[in-house]
Amino acid sequence: MKVSSRQTQKSNTRKKIIETAYRIFSEKGFSVPTSIIAKEAGVSHGSIFVHFPTLNDLLTCLLSDFGDNMGASLHMLAEKCDSVESLLNEHLNVLEENEAFYSRLISEKNRLPDEAKSIFAVIQSTVAHHFSSVIDREIEKGTVKKLPIHMLFNTWLGLVHYYLLNKEFFSHSNESVIRRYRTELLSTYLNLIKKESEVL
């Protein structure tokens, strides 16, 4: 079926709005008015509402896309690997690639609309699911301490979130805190959860 030039233009406008909103929300937070997003995207204010009737619709679209990308990345890895280190590395890869957006997300999540909060919860559940499947295998092999899996996951997430939420203490403004501390984050966490004979 042939795609009309009007459909192509509509698709391109939608993509431009999403990419611009992602950048602006990352830089300035989620309370930025849609008029600023329209101006930065070079489209009319009305164009945003054609694609996203409310700001909440735009937010949920961005979060869904982000969650889908992270889920797909971790799913492929969790299916084929038995190493928690590989999975955590991939988790950090996705977070580093989206560091500014994700940092805004965890710092402002309580101010997000309910639907966006629900999507965020699904994203974390997806990460937890893949983490659990890999950790389960490592516990069975005897390489990881037999501790409650939810505590192992929450400890990892808490460690990463602490560095992201307090970036000003750990890195320069334009520097990725994950890139700077990746090795330390991984080695410290793995040393905590691995059995003595498996410690790095």
N, C-alpha and C. Protein backbone atom coordinates (compact mmCIF):
# COMPACT_ATOMS: atom_id res chain seq x y z
N MET A 1 0.84 -1.20 0.00
CA MET A 1 0.00 0.00 0.00
C MET A 1 0.89 1.26 0.00
N LYS A 2 0.61 2.14 -0.94
CA LYS A 2 1.44 3.33 -1.10
C LYS A 2 1.12 4.35 0.00
N VAL A 3 2.19 4.89 0.59
CA VAL A 3 2.03 5.90 1.63
C VAL A 3 2.01 7.28 0.99
N SER A 4 0.98 8.08 1.29
CA SER A 4 0.87 9.41 0.69
C SER A 4 1.87 10.36 1.32
N SER A 5 2.17 11.45 0.59
CA SER A 5 3.12 12.44 1.11
C SER A 5 2.55 13.10 2.37
N ARG A 6 1.22 13.20 2.45
CA ARG A 6 0.59 13.77 3.64
C ARG A 6 0.81 12.87 4.86
N GLN A 7 0.69 11.56 4.64
CA GLN A 7 0.92 10.62 5.74
C GLN A 7 2.38 10.64 6.19
N THR A 8 3.29 10.75 5.20
CA THR A 8 4.72 10.83 5.51
C THR A 8 5.02 12.08 6.32
N GLN A 9 4.43 13.20 5.89
CA GLN A 9 4.64 14.47 6.60
C GLN A 9 4.11 14.38 8.03
N LYS A 10 2.93 13.77 8.18
CA LYS A 10 2.32 13.61 9.50
C LYS A 10 3.21 12.76 10.41
N SER A 11 3.74 11.68 9.83
CA SER A 11 4.63 10.79 10.58
C SER A 11 5.91 11.51 10.99
N ASN A 12 6.46 12.31 10.07
CA ASN A 12 7.69 13.06 10.35
C ASN A 12 7.46 14.12 11.43
N THR A 13 6.29 14.76 11.39
CA THR A 13 5.96 15.77 12.40
C THR A 13 5.86 15.12 13.77
N ARG A 14 5.19 13.98 13.83
CA ARG A 14 5.04 13.25 15.10
C ARG A 14 6.42 12.88 15.66
N LYS A 15 7.28 12.38 14.78
CA LYS A 15 8.63 11.98 15.20
C LYS A 15 9.41 13.18 15.73
N LYS A 16 9.28 14.31 15.04
CA LYS A 16 9.99 15.54 15.44
C LYS A 16 9.50 16.02 16.81
N ILE A 17 8.19 15.94 17.04
CA ILE A 17 7.63 16.35 18.33
C ILE A 17 8.16 15.46 19.45
N ILE A 18 8.16 14.14 19.21
CA ILE A 18 8.62 13.19 20.22
C ILE A 18 10.10 13.42 20.55
N GLU A 19 10.92 13.57 19.51
CA GLU A 19 12.36 13.76 19.73
C GLU A 19 12.64 15.08 20.46
N THR A 20 11.90 16.13 20.10
CA THR A 20 12.09 17.43 20.75
C THR A 20 11.63 17.38 22.21
N ALA A 21 10.47 16.76 22.44
CA ALA A 21 9.95 16.66 23.81
C ALA A 21 10.91 15.86 24.68
N TYR A 22 11.46 14.79 24.13
CA TYR A 22 12.42 13.97 24.88
C TYR A 22 13.61 14.81 25.32
N ARG A 23 14.14 15.62 24.38
CA ARG A 23 15.31 16.45 24.69
C ARG A 23 14.97 17.53 25.72
N ILE A 24 13.84 18.20 25.53
CA ILE A 24 13.47 19.30 26.43
C ILE A 24 13.11 18.79 27.82
N PHE A 25 12.36 17.69 27.88
CA PHE A 25 12.03 17.12 29.19
C PHE A 25 13.31 16.70 29.92
N SER A 26 14.26 16.15 29.16
CA SER A 26 15.54 15.73 29.76
C SER A 26 16.28 16.92 30.34
N GLU A 27 16.24 18.04 29.62
CA GLU A 27 16.99 19.23 30.05
C GLU A 27 16.27 20.03 31.13
N LYS A 28 14.93 20.15 31.01
CA LYS A 28 14.21 21.12 31.84
C LYS A 28 13.13 20.52 32.73
N GLY A 29 12.88 19.25 32.60
CA GLY A 29 11.85 18.63 33.43
C GLY A 29 10.52 18.49 32.71
N PHE A 30 9.60 17.78 33.36
CA PHE A 30 8.35 17.40 32.70
C PHE A 30 7.24 18.45 32.79
N SER A 31 7.52 19.59 33.40
CA SER A 31 6.48 20.62 33.51
C SER A 31 6.59 21.68 32.41
N VAL A 32 7.47 21.45 31.43
CA VAL A 32 7.64 22.41 30.33
C VAL A 32 6.34 22.47 29.51
N PRO A 33 5.83 23.68 29.22
CA PRO A 33 4.59 23.78 28.45
C PRO A 33 4.76 23.28 27.00
N THR A 34 3.66 22.80 26.44
CA THR A 34 3.71 22.28 25.06
C THR A 34 4.05 23.37 24.05
N SER A 35 3.77 24.63 24.39
CA SER A 35 4.09 25.73 23.46
C SER A 35 5.59 25.81 23.21
N ILE A 36 6.40 25.55 24.26
CA ILE A 36 7.86 25.58 24.11
C ILE A 36 8.33 24.40 23.26
N ILE A 37 7.71 23.24 23.46
CA ILE A 37 8.06 22.06 22.67
C ILE A 37 7.76 22.32 21.20
N ALA A 38 6.59 22.93 20.92
CA ALA A 38 6.21 23.25 19.54
C ALA A 38 7.21 24.20 18.90
N LYS A 39 7.57 25.24 19.64
CA LYS A 39 8.52 26.24 19.11
C LYS A 39 9.87 25.59 18.79
N GLU A 40 10.38 24.78 19.73
CA GLU A 40 11.67 24.11 19.53
C GLU A 40 11.62 23.10 18.39
N ALA A 41 10.46 22.48 18.21
CA ALA A 41 10.32 21.48 17.14
C ALA A 41 10.07 22.12 15.79
N GLY A 42 9.75 23.42 15.79
CA GLY A 42 9.48 24.11 14.53
C GLY A 42 8.13 23.74 13.94
N VAL A 43 7.16 23.46 14.82
CA VAL A 43 5.80 23.13 14.35
C VAL A 43 4.82 24.06 15.05
N SER A 44 3.61 24.14 14.53
CA SER A 44 2.59 24.97 15.19
C SER A 44 2.16 24.31 16.48
N HIS A 45 1.70 25.15 17.42
CA HIS A 45 1.25 24.61 18.70
C HIS A 45 0.10 23.61 18.49
N GLY A 46 -0.76 23.92 17.54
CA GLY A 46 -1.90 23.04 17.25
C GLY A 46 -1.48 21.67 16.76
N SER A 47 -0.31 21.60 16.09
CA SER A 47 0.17 20.30 15.57
C SER A 47 0.41 19.30 16.69
N ILE A 48 0.86 19.80 17.84
CA ILE A 48 1.11 18.89 18.96
C ILE A 48 -0.19 18.22 19.38
N PHE A 49 -1.28 18.99 19.43
CA PHE A 49 -2.56 18.45 19.90
C PHE A 49 -3.21 17.53 18.87
N VAL A 50 -2.82 17.67 17.61
CA VAL A 50 -3.30 16.73 16.60
C VAL A 50 -2.77 15.33 16.91
N HIS A 51 -1.50 15.29 17.32
CA HIS A 51 -0.84 14.00 17.61
C HIS A 51 -1.02 13.56 19.06
N PHE A 52 -1.00 14.54 19.95
CA PHE A 52 -1.09 14.25 21.39
C PHE A 52 -2.09 15.21 22.02
N PRO A 53 -3.35 14.78 22.18
CA PRO A 53 -4.39 15.69 22.68
C PRO A 53 -4.06 16.36 24.02
N THR A 54 -3.26 15.68 24.85
CA THR A 54 -2.87 16.28 26.13
C THR A 54 -1.37 16.05 26.36
N LEU A 55 -0.82 16.82 27.28
CA LEU A 55 0.59 16.65 27.66
C LEU A 55 0.80 15.23 28.22
N ASN A 56 -0.20 14.73 28.94
CA ASN A 56 -0.11 13.38 29.49
C ASN A 56 0.06 12.33 28.39
N ASP A 57 -0.63 12.54 27.27
CA ASP A 57 -0.51 11.60 26.14
C ASP A 57 0.93 11.59 25.60
N LEU A 58 1.50 12.76 25.52
CA LEU A 58 2.89 12.88 25.05
C LEU A 58 3.85 12.19 26.02
N LEU A 59 3.65 12.43 27.31
CA LEU A 59 4.50 11.81 28.34
C LEU A 59 4.41 10.29 28.30
N THR A 60 3.18 9.78 28.21
CA THR A 60 3.01 8.32 28.22
C THR A 60 3.61 7.69 26.97
N CYS A 61 3.55 8.39 25.85
CA CYS A 61 4.16 7.90 24.61
C CYS A 61 5.68 7.80 24.78
N LEU A 62 6.29 8.84 25.33
CA LEU A 62 7.74 8.85 25.54
C LEU A 62 8.17 7.74 26.49
N LEU A 63 7.42 7.58 27.58
CA LEU A 63 7.76 6.56 28.56
C LEU A 63 7.59 5.15 27.99
N SER A 64 6.54 4.97 27.20
CA SER A 64 6.31 3.66 26.58
C SER A 64 7.45 3.30 25.63
N ASP A 65 7.87 4.27 24.82
CA ASP A 65 8.99 4.03 23.89
C ASP A 65 10.27 3.69 24.66
N PHE A 66 10.54 4.45 25.71
CA PHE A 66 11.73 4.21 26.53
C PHE A 66 11.68 2.82 27.15
N GLY A 67 10.53 2.46 27.71
CA GLY A 67 10.36 1.15 28.33
C GLY A 67 10.50 0.01 27.34
N ASP A 68 9.93 0.19 26.14
CA ASP A 68 10.03 -0.85 25.10
C ASP A 68 11.49 -1.09 24.71
N ASN A 69 12.25 0.00 24.57
CA ASN A 69 13.65 -0.13 24.19
C ASN A 69 14.46 -0.85 25.26
N MET A 70 14.23 -0.47 26.52
CA MET A 70 14.96 -1.11 27.61
C MET A 70 14.57 -2.58 27.73
N GLY A 71 13.28 -2.85 27.65
CA GLY A 71 12.79 -4.22 27.76
C GLY A 71 13.35 -5.12 26.69
N ALA A 72 13.36 -4.62 25.45
CA ALA A 72 13.87 -5.43 24.33
C ALA A 72 15.36 -5.73 24.51
N SER A 73 16.09 -4.73 24.95
CA SER A 73 17.53 -4.88 25.17
C SER A 73 17.84 -5.95 26.21
N LEU A 74 17.14 -5.88 27.35
CA LEU A 74 17.40 -6.82 28.44
C LEU A 74 16.83 -8.21 28.15
N HIS A 75 15.72 -8.25 27.41
CA HIS A 75 15.10 -9.55 27.10
C HIS A 75 16.04 -10.43 26.29
N MET A 76 16.62 -9.83 25.25
CA MET A 76 17.53 -10.60 24.40
C MET A 76 18.71 -11.13 25.20
N LEU A 77 19.24 -10.29 26.07
CA LEU A 77 20.41 -10.68 26.86
C LEU A 77 20.05 -11.73 27.91
N ALA A 78 18.94 -11.53 28.61
CA ALA A 78 18.53 -12.46 29.67
C ALA A 78 18.27 -13.86 29.12
N GLU A 79 17.77 -13.92 27.88
CA GLU A 79 17.47 -15.21 27.27
C GLU A 79 18.73 -16.04 27.02
N LYS A 80 19.83 -15.36 26.72
CA LYS A 80 21.01 -16.11 26.28
C LYS A 80 22.18 -16.10 27.28
N CYS A 81 22.06 -15.32 28.38
CA CYS A 81 23.22 -15.24 29.26
C CYS A 81 22.92 -15.75 30.67
N ASP A 82 23.96 -16.26 31.31
CA ASP A 82 23.85 -16.71 32.70
C ASP A 82 24.61 -15.76 33.62
N SER A 83 25.10 -14.67 33.07
CA SER A 83 25.95 -13.78 33.85
C SER A 83 25.20 -12.52 34.27
N VAL A 84 25.08 -12.34 35.58
CA VAL A 84 24.44 -11.12 36.08
C VAL A 84 25.26 -9.89 35.70
N GLU A 85 26.57 -10.06 35.60
CA GLU A 85 27.43 -8.94 35.22
C GLU A 85 27.08 -8.42 33.82
N SER A 86 26.85 -9.34 32.88
CA SER A 86 26.48 -8.94 31.52
C SER A 86 25.16 -8.20 31.50
N LEU A 87 24.20 -8.71 32.29
CA LEU A 87 22.88 -8.07 32.33
C LEU A 87 22.97 -6.67 32.93
N LEU A 88 23.72 -6.54 34.02
CA LEU A 88 23.86 -5.23 34.67
C LEU A 88 24.59 -4.25 33.77
N ASN A 89 25.56 -4.76 33.03
CA ASN A 89 26.28 -3.91 32.06
C ASN A 89 25.32 -3.37 31.01
N GLU A 90 24.43 -4.24 30.52
CA GLU A 90 23.46 -3.82 29.51
C GLU A 90 22.46 -2.83 30.11
N HIS A 91 22.06 -3.05 31.35
CA HIS A 91 21.18 -2.11 32.04
C HIS A 91 21.84 -0.73 32.10
N LEU A 92 23.12 -0.71 32.46
CA LEU A 92 23.85 0.56 32.51
C LEU A 92 24.00 1.18 31.13
N ASN A 93 24.17 0.36 30.10
CA ASN A 93 24.26 0.88 28.72
C ASN A 93 23.00 1.66 28.36
N VAL A 94 21.84 1.06 28.64
CA VAL A 94 20.57 1.72 28.31
C VAL A 94 20.40 2.99 29.14
N LEU A 95 20.74 2.92 30.43
CA LEU A 95 20.60 4.10 31.28
C LEU A 95 21.56 5.21 30.88
N GLU A 96 22.78 4.84 30.52
CA GLU A 96 23.74 5.87 30.10
C GLU A 96 23.28 6.56 28.83
N GLU A 97 22.75 5.77 27.91
CA GLU A 97 22.27 6.33 26.64
C GLU A 97 21.11 7.30 26.87
N ASN A 98 20.34 7.07 27.94
CA ASN A 98 19.17 7.90 28.24
C ASN A 98 19.31 8.57 29.61
N GLU A 99 20.54 8.89 29.98
CA GLU A 99 20.82 9.29 31.36
C GLU A 99 20.06 10.54 31.81
N ALA A 100 20.04 11.56 30.99
CA ALA A 100 19.36 12.81 31.40
C ALA A 100 17.86 12.58 31.55
N PHE A 101 17.28 11.84 30.61
CA PHE A 101 15.84 11.57 30.66
C PHE A 101 15.49 10.70 31.87
N TYR A 102 16.26 9.65 32.08
CA TYR A 102 15.98 8.73 33.18
C TYR A 102 16.17 9.42 34.54
N SER A 103 17.18 10.27 34.64
CA SER A 103 17.40 11.02 35.89
C SER A 103 16.22 11.93 36.20
N ARG A 104 15.69 12.59 35.16
CA ARG A 104 14.50 13.42 35.35
C ARG A 104 13.32 12.54 35.80
N LEU A 105 13.23 11.39 35.19
CA LEU A 105 12.13 10.48 35.47
C LEU A 105 12.11 10.05 36.93
N ILE A 106 13.27 9.63 37.45
CA ILE A 106 13.28 9.16 38.84
C ILE A 106 13.20 10.32 39.84
N SER A 107 13.63 11.52 39.44
CA SER A 107 13.55 12.64 40.37
C SER A 107 12.17 13.30 40.39
N GLU A 108 11.41 13.16 39.28
CA GLU A 108 10.11 13.84 39.19
C GLU A 108 8.94 12.87 39.09
N LYS A 109 9.19 11.58 39.31
CA LYS A 109 8.12 10.59 39.07
C LYS A 109 6.89 10.82 39.93
N ASN A 110 7.05 11.33 41.13
CA ASN A 110 5.89 11.56 42.00
C ASN A 110 4.99 12.68 41.50
N ARG A 111 5.51 13.50 40.58
CA ARG A 111 4.70 14.58 40.02
C ARG A 111 4.10 14.23 38.67
N LEU A 112 4.39 13.03 38.20
CA LEU A 112 3.86 12.59 36.91
C LEU A 112 2.39 12.19 37.05
N PRO A 113 1.63 12.27 35.95
CA PRO A 113 0.24 11.79 36.00
C PRO A 113 0.21 10.28 36.27
N ASP A 114 -0.92 9.80 36.76
CA ASP A 114 -1.03 8.39 37.17
C ASP A 114 -0.67 7.41 36.07
N GLU A 115 -1.10 7.69 34.84
CA GLU A 115 -0.81 6.77 33.74
C GLU A 115 0.69 6.65 33.49
N ALA A 116 1.38 7.79 33.56
CA ALA A 116 2.84 7.79 33.37
C ALA A 116 3.53 7.05 34.51
N LYS A 117 3.02 7.23 35.75
CA LYS A 117 3.58 6.50 36.88
C LYS A 117 3.42 4.99 36.69
N SER A 118 2.27 4.60 36.17
CA SER A 118 2.02 3.17 35.93
C SER A 118 2.99 2.60 34.90
N ILE A 119 3.28 3.38 33.86
CA ILE A 119 4.23 2.92 32.85
C ILE A 119 5.62 2.80 33.45
N PHE A 120 5.98 3.76 34.30
CA PHE A 120 7.28 3.69 34.96
C PHE A 120 7.37 2.42 35.82
N ALA A 121 6.29 2.10 36.52
CA ALA A 121 6.26 0.88 37.35
C ALA A 121 6.43 -0.37 36.49
N VAL A 122 5.82 -0.36 35.30
CA VAL A 122 5.95 -1.50 34.37
C VAL A 122 7.40 -1.62 33.89
N ILE A 123 8.03 -0.48 33.61
CA ILE A 123 9.44 -0.49 33.17
C ILE A 123 10.30 -1.15 34.24
N GLN A 124 10.12 -0.74 35.51
CA GLN A 124 10.94 -1.30 36.59
C GLN A 124 10.62 -2.78 36.80
N SER A 125 9.36 -3.16 36.62
CA SER A 125 8.98 -4.57 36.76
C SER A 125 9.63 -5.42 35.67
N THR A 126 9.72 -4.86 34.48
CA THR A 126 10.36 -5.58 33.36
C THR A 126 11.84 -5.81 33.65
N VAL A 127 12.51 -4.77 34.13
CA VAL A 127 13.93 -4.90 34.50
C VAL A 127 14.07 -5.93 35.61
N ALA A 128 13.20 -5.85 36.62
CA ALA A 128 13.25 -6.79 37.75
C ALA A 128 13.04 -8.22 37.29
N HIS A 129 12.13 -8.43 36.35
CA HIS A 129 11.85 -9.78 35.83
C HIS A 129 13.10 -10.39 35.19
N HIS A 130 13.76 -9.63 34.32
CA HIS A 130 14.96 -10.15 33.65
C HIS A 130 16.11 -10.34 34.64
N PHE A 131 16.23 -9.42 35.57
CA PHE A 131 17.24 -9.53 36.62
C PHE A 131 17.01 -10.83 37.41
N SER A 132 15.75 -11.07 37.80
CA SER A 132 15.42 -12.26 38.60
C SER A 132 15.75 -13.55 37.87
N SER A 133 15.45 -13.60 36.57
CA SER A 133 15.70 -14.84 35.83
C SER A 133 17.19 -15.16 35.77
N VAL A 134 18.03 -14.13 35.63
CA VAL A 134 19.47 -14.36 35.56
C VAL A 134 20.04 -14.66 36.96
N ILE A 135 19.60 -13.90 37.97
CA ILE A 135 20.07 -14.13 39.35
C ILE A 135 19.68 -15.52 39.83
N ASP A 136 18.47 -15.96 39.50
CA ASP A 136 18.00 -17.30 39.87
C ASP A 136 18.98 -18.37 39.39
N ARG A 137 19.39 -18.21 38.14
CA ARG A 137 20.32 -19.20 37.56
C ARG A 137 21.67 -19.16 38.28
N GLU A 138 22.12 -17.95 38.64
CA GLU A 138 23.42 -17.82 39.32
C GLU A 138 23.36 -18.38 40.75
N ILE A 139 22.22 -18.19 41.42
CA ILE A 139 22.06 -18.75 42.77
C ILE A 139 22.08 -20.28 42.69
N GLU A 140 21.39 -20.83 41.70
CA GLU A 140 21.37 -22.29 41.51
C GLU A 140 22.77 -22.83 41.24
N LYS A 141 23.56 -22.06 40.49
CA LYS A 141 24.94 -22.50 40.19
C LYS A 141 25.86 -22.32 41.39
N GLY A 142 25.41 -21.56 42.38
CA GLY A 142 26.22 -21.35 43.58
C GLY A 142 27.22 -20.21 43.45
N THR A 143 27.02 -19.33 42.45
CA THR A 143 27.96 -18.22 42.27
C THR A 143 27.51 -16.95 43.01
N VAL A 144 26.21 -16.87 43.32
CA VAL A 144 25.67 -15.71 44.02
C VAL A 144 25.06 -16.16 45.34
N LYS A 145 25.21 -15.32 46.36
CA LYS A 145 24.67 -15.64 47.68
C LYS A 145 23.15 -15.84 47.61
N LYS A 146 22.67 -16.77 48.42
CA LYS A 146 21.24 -17.04 48.44
C LYS A 146 20.54 -16.01 49.31
N LEU A 147 20.18 -14.90 48.70
CA LEU A 147 19.51 -13.80 49.38
C LEU A 147 18.18 -13.54 48.66
N PRO A 148 17.23 -12.86 49.32
CA PRO A 148 15.96 -12.56 48.63
C PRO A 148 16.23 -11.78 47.34
N ILE A 149 15.68 -12.27 46.24
CA ILE A 149 15.97 -11.66 44.94
C ILE A 149 15.49 -10.21 44.88
N HIS A 150 14.34 -9.92 45.51
CA HIS A 150 13.85 -8.53 45.47
C HIS A 150 14.82 -7.60 46.18
N MET A 151 15.50 -8.09 47.23
CA MET A 151 16.48 -7.26 47.93
C MET A 151 17.74 -7.07 47.09
N LEU A 152 18.15 -8.11 46.37
CA LEU A 152 19.30 -8.00 45.48
C LEU A 152 19.03 -6.95 44.39
N PHE A 153 17.81 -7.00 43.83
CA PHE A 153 17.45 -6.05 42.77
C PHE A 153 17.35 -4.63 43.32
N ASN A 154 16.66 -4.49 44.45
CA ASN A 154 16.48 -3.15 45.03
C ASN A 154 17.80 -2.51 45.46
N THR A 155 18.74 -3.35 45.89
CA THR A 155 20.07 -2.84 46.27
C THR A 155 20.78 -2.28 45.04
N TRP A 156 20.70 -3.01 43.93
CA TRP A 156 21.32 -2.55 42.68
C TRP A 156 20.68 -1.24 42.22
N LEU A 157 19.36 -1.23 42.18
CA LEU A 157 18.65 -0.05 41.70
C LEU A 157 18.91 1.15 42.62
N GLY A 158 18.91 0.90 43.93
CA GLY A 158 19.16 1.97 44.89
C GLY A 158 20.54 2.58 44.71
N LEU A 159 21.53 1.72 44.44
CA LEU A 159 22.90 2.19 44.23
C LEU A 159 22.99 3.08 42.99
N VAL A 160 22.41 2.61 41.90
CA VAL A 160 22.44 3.38 40.64
C VAL A 160 21.67 4.68 40.79
N HIS A 161 20.49 4.60 41.38
CA HIS A 161 19.66 5.80 41.53
C HIS A 161 20.32 6.84 42.43
N TYR A 162 21.03 6.39 43.45
CA TYR A 162 21.71 7.34 44.34
C TYR A 162 22.72 8.19 43.56
N TYR A 163 23.48 7.55 42.70
CA TYR A 163 24.47 8.28 41.90
C TYR A 163 23.80 9.21 40.89
N LEU A 164 22.72 8.75 40.28
CA LEU A 164 22.02 9.58 39.30
C LEU A 164 21.36 10.79 39.96
N LEU A 165 20.75 10.58 41.11
CA LEU A 165 20.04 11.67 41.78
C LEU A 165 20.97 12.67 42.44
N ASN A 166 22.21 12.27 42.67
CA ASN A 166 23.20 13.17 43.30
C ASN A 166 24.39 13.41 42.39
N LYS A 167 24.09 13.52 41.11
CA LYS A 167 25.14 13.66 40.10
C LYS A 167 26.09 14.81 40.40
N GLU A 168 25.57 15.90 40.97
CA GLU A 168 26.41 17.08 41.21
C GLU A 168 27.57 16.78 42.16
N PHE A 169 27.43 15.74 42.97
CA PHE A 169 28.51 15.37 43.89
C PHE A 169 29.56 14.47 43.23
N PHE A 170 29.19 13.84 42.14
CA PHE A 170 30.03 12.79 41.57
C PHE A 170 30.65 13.09 40.21
N SER A 171 30.08 14.03 39.47
CA SER A 171 30.64 14.30 38.13
C SER A 171 30.36 15.73 37.71
N HIS A 172 31.06 16.16 36.67
CA HIS A 172 30.85 17.50 36.13
C HIS A 172 29.52 17.55 35.39
N SER A 173 29.00 18.75 35.17
CA SER A 173 27.64 18.90 34.64
C SER A 173 27.40 18.16 33.32
N ASN A 174 28.38 18.17 32.43
CA ASN A 174 28.18 17.54 31.12
C ASN A 174 28.71 16.11 31.06
N GLU A 175 29.18 15.60 32.17
CA GLU A 175 29.79 14.27 32.19
C GLU A 175 28.77 13.23 32.65
N SER A 176 28.79 12.08 32.02
CA SER A 176 27.90 10.99 32.42
C SER A 176 28.40 10.37 33.71
N VAL A 177 27.55 10.38 34.75
CA VAL A 177 27.94 9.79 36.02
C VAL A 177 28.04 8.26 35.90
N ILE A 178 27.22 7.69 35.03
CA ILE A 178 27.28 6.23 34.83
C ILE A 178 28.58 5.84 34.13
N ARG A 179 28.97 6.62 33.13
CA ARG A 179 30.23 6.31 32.44
C ARG A 179 31.41 6.43 33.40
N ARG A 180 31.37 7.45 34.24
CA ARG A 180 32.48 7.69 35.15
C ARG A 180 32.59 6.62 36.24
N TYR A 181 31.44 6.14 36.73
CA TYR A 181 31.46 5.21 37.87
C TYR A 181 31.04 3.79 37.52
N ARG A 182 30.86 3.50 36.25
CA ARG A 182 30.39 2.18 35.82
C ARG A 182 31.20 1.04 36.45
N THR A 183 32.51 1.10 36.32
CA THR A 183 33.37 0.02 36.82
C THR A 183 33.22 -0.15 38.33
N GLU A 184 33.22 0.96 39.06
CA GLU A 184 33.08 0.89 40.52
C GLU A 184 31.71 0.39 40.94
N LEU A 185 30.66 0.85 40.27
CA LEU A 185 29.31 0.40 40.58
C LEU A 185 29.19 -1.11 40.41
N LEU A 186 29.68 -1.59 39.28
CA LEU A 186 29.59 -3.02 38.99
C LEU A 186 30.44 -3.85 39.95
N SER A 187 31.70 -3.47 40.12
CA SER A 187 32.59 -4.30 40.94
C SER A 187 32.16 -4.30 42.41
N THR A 188 31.72 -3.14 42.92
CA THR A 188 31.27 -3.07 44.31
C THR A 188 30.03 -3.94 44.52
N TYR A 189 29.08 -3.81 43.62
CA TYR A 189 27.84 -4.59 43.76
C TYR A 189 28.12 -6.09 43.63
N LEU A 190 28.91 -6.47 42.64
CA LEU A 190 29.21 -7.90 42.44
C LEU A 190 29.98 -8.47 43.63
N ASN A 191 30.85 -7.68 44.21
CA ASN A 191 31.58 -8.14 45.41
C ASN A 191 30.64 -8.37 46.59
N LEU A 192 29.56 -7.60 46.64
CA LEU A 192 28.58 -7.75 47.71
C LEU A 192 27.75 -9.03 47.55
N ILE A 193 27.40 -9.36 46.31
CA ILE A 193 26.46 -10.47 46.11
C ILE A 193 27.10 -11.80 45.76
N LYS A 194 28.35 -11.78 45.28
CA LYS A 194 29.01 -13.03 44.88
C LYS A 194 29.49 -13.80 46.11
N LYS A 195 29.53 -15.11 45.98
CA LYS A 195 30.09 -15.94 47.05
C LYS A 195 31.59 -15.72 47.09
N GLU A 196 32.21 -15.98 48.24
CA GLU A 196 33.63 -15.69 48.44
C GLU A 196 34.52 -16.19 47.31
N SER A 197 34.31 -17.42 46.88
CA SER A 197 35.16 -18.00 45.85
C SER A 197 34.97 -17.33 44.49
N GLU A 198 33.85 -16.56 44.33
CA GLU A 198 33.56 -15.95 43.04
C GLU A 198 33.87 -14.47 43.01
N VAL A 199 34.30 -13.91 44.13
CA VAL A 199 34.54 -12.47 44.19
C VAL A 199 35.63 -12.09 43.20
N LEU A 200 35.39 -10.92 42.53
CA LEU A 200 36.32 -10.45 41.48
C LEU A 200 37.69 -10.14 42.07
